[in-house]
Amino acid sequence: MRIINEIKLDYKDVLIQPKRSTLKSRKEVDLRRKFKFRNSGNFWSGIPIMAANMDGVGTFNMAHELSNMGLFTCITKQNTPKDWYNQCFPTIDRSNIAVSIGTNLEEYEKAKEIIATNNLNWICIDVANGYSEHFVDFVRGVRKDYPRMNIIAGNVVTADMTQELILAGADIVKIGIGPGSVCTTRIQTGVGYPQLSAVIECADAAHGLGGHVIADGGCTCPGDVAKAFAAGADFVMLGGMFAGHDEGGGEIKIRRYKTNERRLDVFCEEDLGPKFEDKKFVQFYGMSSDTAMKKHSGGVASYRSSEGRTVEVPYKGKVADTVSNLLGGLRSTCTYVGAPTLKQLSKCTTFVRCTQQFNSVFVR
């Protein structure tokens, strides 16, 4: 046993220091990136924000919308070849969509059929614990089978495993263990790593080999997304921030709440009691939660426990509005530090440790 005494940081622990800027307007900021991937040799261009491969987020409808705006979607593992076949792919740019799998060989065979039928060039190999030799061997095998595919692999949080996965054939490594809004891994296992420090350290390791990283989890607002890019992330993957939209599907539930206002009779102004208001919510859950395992696996296996929670998030309407707000925040971040492009944001960033990010006196 040993203890790392160096302080590790999360998004909530820092702010970005403003600097002199020659930018006159947010309009001048270019958020598009162009990457060449180390192992596939392919190029990709777009806004490097990804919808996570989670129920209610990584859907085909979400991919339709995000693709039109230059963003990326990792489709959930549970979709069948028939589900993929039924999609109208002329409206989804194949360069902005990935098929997701674990390390189950049956899943992999299904993915092979999907890749061949739909002419895909992205595969996301997604497991909760990316530290097993089996996982590294699996990534190596997929690279052998698909030398020209863009391979995403994860999740890990340390430099050594980031490099090992890249050397095994991954083009992009997903960074994050336990930071997600509906993940309880840190509670159930005590395992994890503060997300900002994980991104900084893993990005540095990956870039030294010509690889790339995705900051996966922990973002609660546009400012956190900006911090992830500022820390060196090439892509940022969002789950909770993209949950609750029309494109994610899911049943909309209405909850009635008592307000602090009173209802008055229009004629005699008699107090008729408190006012109530209806609010809309959509269920959202982690993919290792009881809810997900009951839905997709028939229940929680006897040898494991749930590592996710089920919540209700406010219904948010169209995802385009959320994306517009998110990208506006990113552009504003760049103007504060004088970065004309998203690529230059990390080079212009100085983080300041803090104990409070914002004044929450009027936050309910």
Protein backbone atom coordinates (compact mmCIF):
# COMPACT_ATOMS: atom_id res chain seq x y z
CA MET A 1 0.00 0.00 0.00
CA ARG A 2 1.15 3.54 -0.73
CA ILE A 3 -0.34 7.02 -0.64
CA ILE A 4 -0.04 9.66 -3.36
CA ASN A 5 0.21 12.92 -1.41
CA GLU A 6 0.04 15.20 -4.45
CA ILE A 7 -3.34 16.92 -4.59
CA LYS A 8 -5.57 15.74 -7.46
CA LEU A 9 -8.31 18.02 -8.74
CA ASP A 10 -11.86 17.87 -10.07
CA TYR A 11 -13.68 20.39 -12.26
CA LYS A 12 -15.22 22.00 -9.17
CA ASP A 13 -11.78 22.68 -7.70
CA VAL A 14 -10.58 25.16 -10.33
CA LEU A 15 -11.47 28.18 -12.40
CA ILE A 16 -9.83 29.36 -15.63
CA GLN A 17 -7.88 32.59 -15.23
CA PRO A 18 -8.85 35.28 -17.79
CA LYS A 19 -6.10 36.81 -19.97
CA ARG A 20 -5.69 39.63 -22.47
CA SER A 21 -7.39 38.85 -25.76
CA THR A 22 -7.40 40.30 -29.25
CA LEU A 23 -10.73 38.61 -30.05
CA LYS A 24 -13.53 41.09 -30.58
CA SER A 25 -16.45 38.65 -30.59
CA ARG A 26 -17.41 35.05 -29.85
CA LYS A 27 -18.15 34.78 -33.58
CA GLU A 28 -14.40 34.74 -34.24
CA VAL A 29 -13.87 31.49 -32.29
CA ASP A 30 -13.62 28.25 -34.30
CA LEU A 31 -14.77 25.20 -32.32
CA ARG A 32 -14.11 22.66 -35.05
CA ARG A 33 -11.13 20.35 -34.75
CA LYS A 34 -9.34 18.18 -37.29
CA PHE A 35 -7.57 15.06 -36.08
CA LYS A 36 -5.45 12.39 -37.68
CA PHE A 37 -5.64 9.17 -35.70
CA ARG A 38 -2.47 7.33 -34.81
CA ASN A 39 -3.46 3.74 -35.54
CA SER A 40 -6.21 3.92 -38.17
CA GLY A 41 -4.51 6.71 -40.12
CA ASN A 42 -7.90 8.32 -40.71
CA PHE A 43 -8.82 11.99 -40.43
CA TRP A 44 -11.87 13.38 -38.62
CA SER A 45 -13.26 16.91 -38.61
CA GLY A 46 -16.06 18.32 -36.47
CA ILE A 47 -16.95 19.71 -33.06
CA PRO A 48 -15.43 17.14 -30.66
CA ILE A 49 -18.36 16.68 -28.28
CA MET A 50 -19.89 13.21 -27.96
CA ALA A 51 -23.19 11.85 -26.69
CA ALA A 52 -22.50 8.90 -24.39
CA ASN A 53 -23.62 5.37 -25.27
CA MET A 54 -26.32 5.40 -22.56
CA ASP A 55 -30.04 4.76 -22.69
CA GLY A 56 -31.82 8.06 -23.29
CA VAL A 57 -28.66 9.63 -24.74
CA GLY A 58 -26.94 7.43 -27.33
CA THR A 59 -29.97 7.04 -29.59
CA PHE A 60 -30.35 7.21 -33.35
CA ASN A 61 -32.57 10.27 -33.06
CA MET A 62 -29.87 11.96 -31.01
CA ALA A 63 -27.31 11.01 -33.66
CA HIS A 64 -29.50 12.56 -36.39
CA GLU A 65 -29.64 15.89 -34.54
CA LEU A 66 -26.06 16.04 -33.29
CA SER A 67 -24.61 14.96 -36.65
CA ASN A 68 -26.37 17.87 -38.32
CA MET A 69 -24.55 20.19 -35.92
CA GLY A 70 -21.15 18.52 -36.38
CA LEU A 71 -21.20 16.60 -33.07
CA PHE A 72 -20.70 12.87 -32.45
CA THR A 73 -22.82 10.06 -30.95
CA CYS A 74 -21.83 6.67 -29.58
CA ILE A 75 -24.91 4.47 -30.08
CA THR A 76 -25.90 2.20 -27.19
CA LYS A 77 -24.71 -1.42 -27.21
CA GLN A 78 -28.20 -2.87 -27.02
CA ASN A 79 -29.26 -1.99 -30.58
CA THR A 80 -29.56 -4.96 -32.91
CA PRO A 81 -28.49 -5.20 -36.56
CA LYS A 82 -32.20 -4.80 -37.40
CA ASP A 83 -32.33 -1.56 -35.38
CA TRP A 84 -29.38 -0.24 -37.37
CA TYR A 85 -30.89 -1.40 -40.65
CA ASN A 86 -34.09 0.52 -39.93
CA GLN A 87 -32.28 3.84 -39.66
CA CYS A 88 -32.33 6.38 -42.47
CA PHE A 89 -28.59 6.84 -42.78
CA PRO A 90 -28.52 9.54 -45.46
CA THR A 91 -29.33 11.99 -42.63
CA ILE A 92 -26.53 10.76 -40.34
CA ASP A 93 -22.92 11.37 -41.30
CA ARG A 94 -21.20 8.01 -40.72
CA SER A 95 -18.10 9.86 -39.58
CA ASN A 96 -20.11 11.09 -36.57
CA ILE A 97 -21.45 7.79 -35.24
CA ALA A 98 -19.93 4.76 -33.51
CA VAL A 99 -21.19 1.27 -32.75
CA SER A 100 -20.56 0.32 -29.10
CA ILE A 101 -19.58 -3.06 -27.68
CA GLY A 102 -18.12 -4.61 -24.55
CA THR A 103 -15.71 -7.54 -24.67
CA ASN A 104 -18.38 -10.21 -25.06
CA LEU A 105 -17.62 -12.25 -28.19
CA GLU A 106 -21.31 -12.57 -29.06
CA GLU A 107 -21.60 -8.76 -28.92
CA TYR A 108 -18.56 -8.48 -31.14
CA GLU A 109 -20.02 -10.78 -33.78
CA LYS A 110 -23.18 -8.68 -33.77
CA ALA A 111 -21.06 -5.53 -34.16
CA LYS A 112 -19.22 -7.06 -37.12
CA GLU A 113 -22.53 -7.51 -38.91
CA ILE A 114 -23.56 -3.92 -38.09
CA ILE A 115 -20.23 -2.54 -39.31
CA ALA A 116 -20.38 -4.47 -42.58
CA THR A 117 -24.04 -3.68 -43.29
CA ASN A 118 -23.80 0.03 -42.51
CA ASN A 119 -20.25 0.73 -43.72
CA LEU A 120 -19.22 2.18 -40.34
CA ASN A 121 -15.73 3.39 -39.54
CA TRP A 122 -15.99 3.89 -35.73
CA ILE A 123 -16.18 1.32 -32.94
CA CYS A 124 -16.36 2.12 -29.22
CA ILE A 125 -15.10 -0.67 -26.94
CA ASP A 126 -16.60 0.31 -23.62
CA VAL A 127 -16.12 -1.40 -20.25
CA ALA A 128 -16.28 -0.04 -16.72
CA ASN A 129 -12.79 -1.30 -15.84
CA GLY A 130 -10.20 -0.91 -18.56
CA TYR A 131 -7.35 -2.28 -16.45
CA SER A 132 -7.67 -6.00 -17.24
CA GLU A 133 -5.24 -7.83 -19.53
CA HIS A 134 -8.28 -9.35 -21.24
CA PHE A 135 -9.48 -5.88 -22.24
CA VAL A 136 -6.10 -4.89 -23.68
CA ASP A 137 -5.94 -8.17 -25.61
CA PHE A 138 -9.45 -7.59 -26.93
CA VAL A 139 -8.53 -4.11 -28.18
CA ARG A 140 -5.48 -5.59 -29.85
CA GLY A 141 -7.66 -8.22 -31.54
CA VAL A 142 -10.15 -5.65 -32.83
CA ARG A 143 -7.29 -3.60 -34.28
CA LYS A 144 -6.02 -6.70 -36.06
CA ASP A 145 -9.49 -7.36 -37.49
CA TYR A 146 -10.07 -3.71 -38.46
CA PRO A 147 -6.77 -1.97 -39.24
CA ARG A 148 -8.57 1.06 -40.76
CA MET A 149 -11.33 1.49 -38.16
CA ASN A 150 -11.23 4.34 -35.65
CA ILE A 151 -11.18 2.60 -32.27
CA ILE A 152 -12.32 4.19 -29.00
CA ALA A 153 -11.41 2.20 -25.86
CA GLY A 154 -11.91 2.74 -22.14
CA ASN A 155 -12.35 3.51 -19.37
CA VAL A 156 -9.09 4.26 -17.57
CA VAL A 157 -7.73 7.18 -15.51
CA THR A 158 -3.95 6.79 -15.45
CA ALA A 159 -1.17 7.58 -17.90
CA ASP A 160 0.28 4.07 -18.02
CA MET A 161 -2.95 2.39 -19.10
CA THR A 162 -3.73 5.19 -21.54
CA GLN A 163 -0.44 4.48 -23.28
CA GLU A 164 -0.93 0.71 -23.14
CA LEU A 165 -4.32 0.94 -24.85
CA ILE A 166 -2.93 3.22 -27.55
CA LEU A 167 -0.05 0.83 -28.19
CA ALA A 168 -2.58 -2.03 -28.32
CA GLY A 169 -4.42 -0.28 -31.14
CA ALA A 170 -6.81 2.29 -29.67
CA ASP A 171 -6.91 5.65 -31.43
CA ILE A 172 -8.81 7.40 -28.63
CA VAL A 173 -8.91 6.41 -24.94
CA LYS A 174 -11.90 7.21 -22.74
CA ILE A 175 -10.89 8.77 -19.43
CA GLY A 176 -13.08 8.56 -16.33
CA ILE A 177 -13.90 6.12 -13.54
CA GLY A 178 -16.79 7.16 -11.32
CA PRO A 179 -17.31 10.88 -12.12
CA GLY A 180 -20.67 10.48 -13.92
CA SER A 181 -23.88 11.90 -12.48
CA VAL A 182 -25.56 8.48 -12.31
CA CYS A 183 -22.46 6.41 -11.51
CA THR A 184 -21.96 4.99 -7.99
CA THR A 185 -18.68 3.14 -8.61
CA ARG A 186 -16.81 5.34 -6.14
CA ILE A 187 -19.42 4.62 -3.46
CA GLN A 188 -19.62 0.90 -4.13
CA THR A 189 -15.90 0.25 -4.65
CA GLY A 190 -13.92 3.23 -3.37
CA VAL A 191 -12.13 3.29 -6.73
CA GLY A 192 -11.67 6.36 -8.92
CA TYR A 193 -9.54 9.40 -9.71
CA PRO A 194 -10.42 13.12 -9.68
CA GLN A 195 -11.49 13.83 -13.23
CA LEU A 196 -9.60 17.04 -14.04
CA SER A 197 -6.27 15.56 -12.97
CA ALA A 198 -7.07 12.31 -14.80
CA VAL A 199 -7.69 14.23 -18.03
CA ILE A 200 -4.53 16.34 -17.66
CA GLU A 201 -2.28 13.34 -16.98
CA CYS A 202 -3.83 10.97 -19.53
CA ALA A 203 -3.96 13.60 -22.27
CA ASP A 204 -0.28 14.31 -21.77
CA ALA A 205 0.53 10.59 -21.98
CA ALA A 206 -1.61 10.04 -25.07
CA HIS A 207 -0.35 13.06 -26.96
CA GLY A 208 3.23 11.93 -26.43
CA LEU A 209 2.39 8.84 -28.48
CA GLY A 210 0.28 10.63 -31.06
CA GLY A 211 -2.95 9.32 -29.51
CA HIS A 212 -6.07 11.11 -28.29
CA VAL A 213 -8.37 11.07 -25.24
CA ILE A 214 -12.02 11.58 -24.40
CA ALA A 215 -12.95 13.20 -21.08
CA ASP A 216 -15.88 10.98 -20.12
CA GLY A 217 -18.09 12.05 -17.22
CA GLY A 218 -18.23 14.70 -14.53
CA CYS A 219 -19.42 17.68 -16.59
CA THR A 220 -22.45 19.42 -15.09
CA CYS A 221 -22.46 22.68 -17.08
CA PRO A 222 -20.80 24.32 -20.12
CA GLY A 223 -18.03 25.63 -17.86
CA ASP A 224 -17.01 22.07 -16.95
CA VAL A 225 -16.87 21.13 -20.64
CA ALA A 226 -14.59 24.12 -21.21
CA LYS A 227 -12.35 22.99 -18.33
CA ALA A 228 -12.11 19.49 -19.83
CA PHE A 229 -10.92 20.88 -23.16
CA ALA A 230 -8.63 23.31 -21.36
CA ALA A 231 -7.12 20.33 -19.50
CA GLY A 232 -6.10 18.76 -22.82
CA ALA A 233 -9.07 16.56 -23.74
CA ASP A 234 -9.47 16.06 -27.47
CA PHE A 235 -13.13 15.05 -27.10
CA VAL A 236 -15.66 15.47 -24.28
CA MET A 237 -18.37 12.85 -23.76
CA LEU A 238 -21.64 13.88 -22.11
CA GLY A 239 -24.37 11.77 -20.55
CA GLY A 240 -26.38 13.73 -17.98
CA MET A 241 -26.13 17.01 -19.90
CA PHE A 242 -27.70 15.33 -22.95
CA ALA A 243 -30.33 13.42 -20.94
CA GLY A 244 -33.97 14.54 -20.81
CA HIS A 245 -34.33 15.68 -24.42
CA ASP A 246 -36.89 14.69 -27.03
CA GLU A 247 -34.23 12.92 -29.07
CA GLY A 248 -33.35 10.60 -26.18
CA GLY A 249 -36.82 9.14 -25.99
CA GLY A 250 -38.17 7.96 -22.66
CA GLU A 251 -41.50 8.57 -20.97
CA ILE A 252 -42.20 12.13 -19.83
CA LYS A 253 -43.58 12.17 -16.30
CA ILE A 254 -45.43 15.10 -14.77
CA ARG A 255 -44.90 15.97 -11.09
CA ARG A 256 -47.00 18.54 -9.25
CA TYR A 257 -45.25 20.83 -6.75
CA LYS A 258 -46.55 23.30 -4.21
CA THR A 259 -45.19 26.82 -4.71
CA ASN A 260 -44.73 29.69 -2.25
CA GLU A 261 -47.50 31.66 -4.00
CA ARG A 262 -51.18 31.72 -2.96
CA ARG A 263 -54.32 31.42 -5.10
CA LEU A 264 -56.78 34.30 -4.64
CA ASP A 265 -60.45 34.42 -5.58
CA VAL A 266 -60.76 36.89 -8.50
CA PHE A 267 -63.87 38.53 -7.02
CA CYS A 268 -63.34 38.76 -3.26
CA GLU A 269 -59.62 38.01 -3.07
CA GLU A 270 -60.29 35.19 -0.65
CA ASP A 271 -57.23 33.01 -0.05
CA LEU A 272 -57.90 29.69 -1.81
CA GLY A 273 -54.69 28.01 -0.68
CA PRO A 274 -51.27 27.47 -2.23
CA LYS A 275 -50.59 27.50 -5.94
CA PHE A 276 -49.27 24.34 -7.56
CA GLU A 277 -47.20 23.98 -10.71
CA ASP A 278 -46.54 21.00 -12.94
CA LYS A 279 -43.01 20.07 -13.94
CA LYS A 280 -41.92 17.50 -16.52
CA PHE A 281 -39.23 14.88 -15.94
CA VAL A 282 -37.60 12.00 -17.83
CA GLN A 283 -36.01 8.94 -16.24
CA PHE A 284 -32.23 8.66 -16.57
CA TYR A 285 -30.03 5.88 -15.22
CA GLY A 286 -26.49 4.56 -15.24
CA MET A 287 -25.78 1.59 -17.47
CA SER A 288 -24.56 -0.40 -14.43
CA SER A 289 -27.69 0.43 -12.41
CA ASP A 290 -30.41 -1.99 -11.29
CA THR A 291 -32.71 -0.37 -13.87
CA ALA A 292 -30.35 -0.96 -16.81
CA MET A 293 -29.43 -4.51 -15.80
CA LYS A 294 -33.07 -5.49 -15.31
CA LYS A 295 -33.93 -4.00 -18.70
CA HIS A 296 -31.06 -5.50 -20.69
CA SER A 297 -29.81 -8.51 -18.68
CA GLY A 298 -32.82 -9.71 -16.73
CA GLY A 299 -31.46 -8.45 -13.41
CA VAL A 300 -28.31 -7.98 -11.35
CA ALA A 301 -26.09 -11.06 -11.45
CA SER A 302 -25.44 -12.74 -8.11
CA TYR A 303 -21.70 -12.07 -8.26
CA ARG A 304 -21.96 -8.30 -8.71
CA SER A 305 -23.73 -5.21 -7.36
CA SER A 306 -25.33 -2.19 -8.95
CA GLU A 307 -22.90 0.65 -9.63
CA GLY A 308 -25.38 3.19 -10.95
CA ARG A 309 -28.38 5.18 -9.80
CA THR A 310 -31.75 5.93 -11.37
CA VAL A 311 -32.97 9.53 -11.30
CA GLU A 312 -35.50 11.82 -12.93
CA VAL A 313 -34.00 14.73 -14.86
CA PRO A 314 -35.97 17.81 -15.92
CA TYR A 315 -37.46 17.52 -19.39
CA LYS A 316 -35.39 19.83 -21.64
CA GLY A 317 -37.13 19.79 -25.02
CA LYS A 318 -35.01 19.85 -28.18
CA VAL A 319 -31.32 19.03 -27.83
CA ALA A 320 -30.45 21.79 -30.33
CA ASP A 321 -31.18 24.42 -27.65
CA THR A 322 -28.85 22.73 -25.17
CA VAL A 323 -26.11 22.42 -27.81
CA SER A 324 -26.46 26.09 -28.73
CA ASN A 325 -26.05 27.09 -25.09
CA LEU A 326 -23.09 24.74 -24.65
CA LEU A 327 -21.23 25.95 -27.73
CA GLY A 328 -21.92 29.57 -26.79
CA GLY A 329 -20.31 28.96 -23.41
CA LEU A 330 -17.26 27.35 -25.05
CA ARG A 331 -16.81 30.28 -27.42
CA SER A 332 -17.05 32.66 -24.48
CA THR A 333 -14.36 30.71 -22.60
CA CYS A 334 -12.06 31.06 -25.59
CA THR A 335 -12.60 34.82 -25.75
CA TYR A 336 -11.76 35.17 -22.05
CA VAL A 337 -8.32 33.58 -22.54
CA GLY A 338 -7.56 34.79 -26.08
CA ALA A 339 -7.88 31.43 -27.85
CA PRO A 340 -9.11 31.91 -31.44
CA THR A 341 -9.68 28.13 -31.81
CA LEU A 342 -10.69 25.30 -29.51
CA LYS A 343 -7.36 23.63 -30.33
CA GLN A 344 -5.50 26.54 -28.73
CA LEU A 345 -7.62 26.66 -25.57
CA SER A 346 -5.38 24.36 -23.53
CA LYS A 347 -2.29 26.35 -24.55
CA CYS A 348 -3.92 29.55 -23.30
CA THR A 349 -5.20 28.13 -20.01
CA THR A 350 -4.00 28.74 -16.49
CA PHE A 351 -6.10 27.00 -13.84
CA VAL A 352 -6.64 28.66 -10.47
CA ARG A 353 -7.55 26.48 -7.51
CA CYS A 354 -10.66 27.69 -5.70
CA THR A 355 -13.04 26.83 -2.88
CA GLN A 356 -16.16 28.28 -4.52
CA GLN A 357 -17.07 28.51 -8.20
CA PHE A 358 -20.17 30.69 -8.10
CA ASN A 359 -22.56 32.52 -5.78
CA SER A 360 -25.45 30.15 -5.09
CA VAL A 361 -27.53 32.39 -2.83
CA PHE A 362 -30.50 32.37 -5.21
CA VAL A 363 -30.11 28.79 -6.41
CA ARG A 364 -33.06 26.60 -5.38
